[in-house]
Amino acid sequence: MSLRPNLAILVGAGAVIVLLSALMLPWQVAVASAVLGGLMIAGADVDARTFLLPDFITWGAVISGVVAAAALNPYEAWRAGAAAIVRAAVTAFALALLRWCYARLRAREGLGFGDVKLAAAVGAWLPFDEIPMCFCLAAGSALVAVLLARLRGEAISRSAKIPFGAFLCPALWLIFYVSVLPR
């Protein structure tokens, strides 16, 4: 089981993200969008195949989110970076609490620690008011995927594993991208 992303997927989808970012965003924001997009493509691909989110992707996204927050707000860089750290911690704590509650209620793991670290990345990249939309988009997409699998005749049991990171990664990039588009 390889925790490396598929190079063809990374290059192909990465090129689309770079192109969209370069055409639609100021250059500083386009660079941030491209970095986040590359990490999220890699994360979604690896999680979809292995049900694991590698630390280099999750921590890379957290660190780059804090750096991007500071770099994109040069007049208040320290405040923006600190706010990104706080959002990352609060979002990770919320998902860790959900993980713990699910495990207590169902006596089995429902979310992995990779998802908790990815939640920290969501907090680092998005303002508080965008975070719920990111999780709603990811959860809704996962539900649609399960529904489509069921309609294709696949058996979906109550204990079926769903790689939530494969849905949360693209949702994070998409919400970030839409939130920074010039109005």
Protein backbone atom coordinates (compact mmCIF):
# COMPACT_ATOMS: atom_id res chain seq x y z
CA MET A 1 0.00 0.00 0.00
CA SER A 2 1.63 3.18 -1.21
CA LEU A 3 1.09 6.46 0.59
CA ARG A 4 2.39 8.33 -2.43
CA PRO A 5 -0.12 10.09 -4.65
CA ASN A 6 -0.65 8.94 -8.21
CA LEU A 7 1.63 11.17 -10.27
CA ALA A 8 -0.73 11.36 -13.26
CA ILE A 9 -3.62 12.50 -11.06
CA LEU A 10 -1.43 14.98 -9.21
CA VAL A 11 -0.04 16.52 -12.41
CA GLY A 12 -3.33 16.53 -14.33
CA ALA A 13 -5.57 17.91 -11.59
CA GLY A 14 -2.75 20.13 -10.33
CA ALA A 15 -2.45 21.73 -13.76
CA VAL A 16 -6.16 22.54 -13.72
CA ILE A 17 -5.89 24.11 -10.26
CA VAL A 18 -2.82 26.13 -11.22
CA LEU A 19 -4.54 27.34 -14.38
CA LEU A 20 -7.76 28.28 -12.58
CA SER A 21 -5.81 30.02 -9.84
CA ALA A 22 -3.51 31.90 -12.22
CA LEU A 23 -6.37 33.10 -14.41
CA MET A 24 -8.76 34.16 -11.66
CA LEU A 25 -6.73 35.22 -8.61
CA PRO A 26 -4.07 37.79 -7.75
CA TRP A 27 -0.65 36.16 -7.92
CA GLN A 28 -0.07 35.83 -4.16
CA VAL A 29 -3.44 34.17 -3.64
CA ALA A 30 -2.93 32.04 -6.77
CA VAL A 31 0.30 30.64 -5.31
CA ALA A 32 -1.48 29.82 -2.03
CA SER A 33 -4.35 28.21 -3.95
CA ALA A 34 -1.95 26.12 -6.02
CA VAL A 35 -0.09 24.90 -2.93
CA LEU A 36 -3.33 24.00 -1.15
CA GLY A 37 -4.72 22.42 -4.31
CA GLY A 38 -1.67 20.22 -4.79
CA LEU A 39 -1.78 19.03 -1.19
CA MET A 40 -5.51 18.36 -1.37
CA ILE A 41 -5.28 16.42 -4.64
CA ALA A 42 -2.56 14.26 -3.09
CA GLY A 43 -4.58 13.80 0.10
CA ALA A 44 -7.79 12.87 -1.68
CA ASP A 45 -6.01 10.38 -3.94
CA VAL A 46 -4.10 8.66 -1.14
CA ASP A 47 -7.10 8.54 1.22
CA ALA A 48 -9.40 7.15 -1.48
CA ARG A 49 -6.96 4.29 -2.10
CA THR A 50 -5.64 3.56 1.40
CA PHE A 51 -8.03 5.11 3.94
CA LEU A 52 -5.00 6.96 5.32
CA LEU A 53 -3.96 10.61 5.22
CA PRO A 54 -0.17 10.90 5.39
CA ASP A 55 1.35 13.36 7.84
CA PHE A 56 3.28 15.15 5.08
CA ILE A 57 -0.06 16.09 3.54
CA THR A 58 -2.01 16.97 6.68
CA TRP A 59 0.79 18.79 8.52
CA GLY A 60 1.93 20.33 5.24
CA ALA A 61 -1.56 21.74 4.79
CA VAL A 62 -1.69 23.04 8.37
CA ILE A 63 1.71 24.72 8.17
CA SER A 64 1.12 26.16 4.69
CA GLY A 65 -2.27 27.47 5.87
CA VAL A 66 -0.67 29.38 8.74
CA VAL A 67 2.07 30.70 6.45
CA ALA A 68 -0.48 31.69 3.79
CA ALA A 69 -2.64 33.48 6.35
CA ALA A 70 0.33 35.58 7.42
CA ALA A 71 1.64 36.14 3.89
CA LEU A 72 -1.74 37.17 2.48
CA ASN A 73 -2.23 39.73 5.25
CA PRO A 74 1.16 41.49 5.40
CA TYR A 75 -0.04 44.44 7.50
CA GLU A 76 -1.20 42.14 10.29
CA ALA A 77 0.87 39.04 9.54
CA TRP A 78 1.35 37.97 13.16
CA ARG A 79 -2.32 38.42 14.00
CA ALA A 80 -3.41 36.55 10.85
CA GLY A 81 -0.98 33.71 11.56
CA ALA A 82 -2.08 33.46 15.19
CA ALA A 83 -5.74 33.47 14.15
CA ALA A 84 -5.04 30.62 11.72
CA ILE A 85 -3.39 28.62 14.52
CA VAL A 86 -6.37 29.20 16.82
CA ARG A 87 -8.85 28.20 14.10
CA ALA A 88 -6.77 25.09 13.36
CA ALA A 89 -6.73 24.07 17.03
CA VAL A 90 -10.45 24.69 17.54
CA THR A 91 -11.43 22.82 14.38
CA ALA A 92 -9.16 19.86 15.18
CA PHE A 93 -10.50 19.77 18.75
CA ALA A 94 -14.10 19.74 17.48
CA LEU A 95 -13.41 16.81 15.16
CA ALA A 96 -11.39 14.99 17.83
CA LEU A 97 -14.34 15.36 20.18
CA LEU A 98 -16.70 14.01 17.52
CA ARG A 99 -14.27 11.12 16.95
CA TRP A 100 -14.16 10.35 20.66
CA CYS A 101 -17.96 10.53 21.09
CA TYR A 102 -18.56 8.23 18.11
CA ALA A 103 -16.04 5.71 19.43
CA ARG A 104 -17.70 5.75 22.87
CA LEU A 105 -21.20 5.34 21.45
CA ARG A 106 -20.44 2.73 18.79
CA ALA A 107 -17.44 0.99 20.40
CA ARG A 108 -15.44 1.35 17.18
CA GLU A 109 -13.47 4.00 15.37
CA GLY A 110 -15.42 6.20 12.97
CA LEU A 111 -12.85 8.86 12.10
CA GLY A 112 -9.10 8.48 11.97
CA PHE A 113 -6.48 10.83 13.33
CA GLY A 114 -5.70 11.85 9.75
CA ASP A 115 -9.18 13.34 9.52
CA VAL A 116 -8.56 15.26 12.75
CA LYS A 117 -5.28 16.64 11.36
CA LEU A 118 -7.03 17.49 8.09
CA ALA A 119 -9.62 19.37 10.15
CA ALA A 120 -6.76 21.43 11.57
CA ALA A 121 -5.81 22.28 7.98
CA VAL A 122 -9.40 23.34 7.30
CA GLY A 123 -9.17 25.68 10.27
CA ALA A 124 -5.80 27.04 9.19
CA TRP A 125 -7.00 27.88 5.67
CA LEU A 126 -10.59 29.03 6.18
CA PRO A 127 -12.22 31.71 8.32
CA PHE A 128 -14.57 30.42 11.03
CA ASP A 129 -17.70 31.25 9.04
CA GLU A 130 -16.53 29.11 6.07
CA ILE A 131 -15.58 26.01 8.09
CA PRO A 132 -19.11 24.60 8.49
CA MET A 133 -19.71 24.96 4.75
CA CYS A 134 -16.55 22.98 4.05
CA PHE A 135 -17.66 20.09 6.27
CA CYS A 136 -21.21 20.22 4.86
CA LEU A 137 -19.89 20.04 1.30
CA ALA A 138 -17.62 17.11 2.18
CA ALA A 139 -20.31 15.19 4.07
CA GLY A 140 -22.90 15.87 1.37
CA SER A 141 -20.51 14.68 -1.33
CA ALA A 142 -19.77 11.51 0.65
CA LEU A 143 -23.48 10.83 1.04
CA VAL A 144 -24.04 11.30 -2.70
CA ALA A 145 -21.17 8.88 -3.42
CA VAL A 146 -22.73 6.28 -1.11
CA LEU A 147 -26.14 6.80 -2.73
CA LEU A 148 -24.67 6.38 -6.22
CA ALA A 149 -22.85 3.22 -5.12
CA ARG A 150 -26.12 1.87 -3.75
CA LEU A 151 -27.96 2.73 -6.97
CA ARG A 152 -25.29 0.82 -8.92
CA GLY A 153 -26.19 -2.21 -6.85
CA GLU A 154 -23.26 -2.21 -4.45
CA ALA A 155 -24.03 -3.51 -0.99
CA ILE A 156 -23.46 -0.78 1.59
CA SER A 157 -23.48 -2.03 5.16
CA ARG A 158 -23.71 0.05 8.33
CA SER A 159 -20.05 -0.71 8.95
CA ALA A 160 -18.84 0.26 5.46
CA LYS A 161 -15.69 2.36 5.43
CA ILE A 162 -15.81 5.69 3.65
CA PRO A 163 -12.60 7.70 3.13
CA PHE A 164 -13.88 11.04 4.48
CA GLY A 165 -10.59 12.76 3.66
CA ALA A 166 -11.16 12.02 -0.01
CA PHE A 167 -14.20 14.31 0.22
CA LEU A 168 -12.87 16.83 2.73
CA CYS A 169 -9.71 17.57 0.72
CA PRO A 170 -11.46 18.84 -2.43
CA ALA A 171 -14.08 20.60 -0.32
CA LEU A 172 -11.34 22.54 1.49
CA TRP A 173 -9.71 23.70 -1.75
CA LEU A 174 -13.04 24.57 -3.37
CA ILE A 175 -14.30 26.61 -0.41
CA PHE A 176 -10.95 28.41 -0.16
CA TYR A 177 -10.93 29.14 -3.90
CA VAL A 178 -14.48 30.47 -3.95
CA SER A 179 -13.89 32.56 -0.83
CA VAL A 180 -10.89 34.35 -2.36
CA LEU A 181 -12.32 34.98 -5.82
CA PRO A 182 -12.44 38.71 -6.56
CA ARG A 183 -15.97 40.06 -6.34
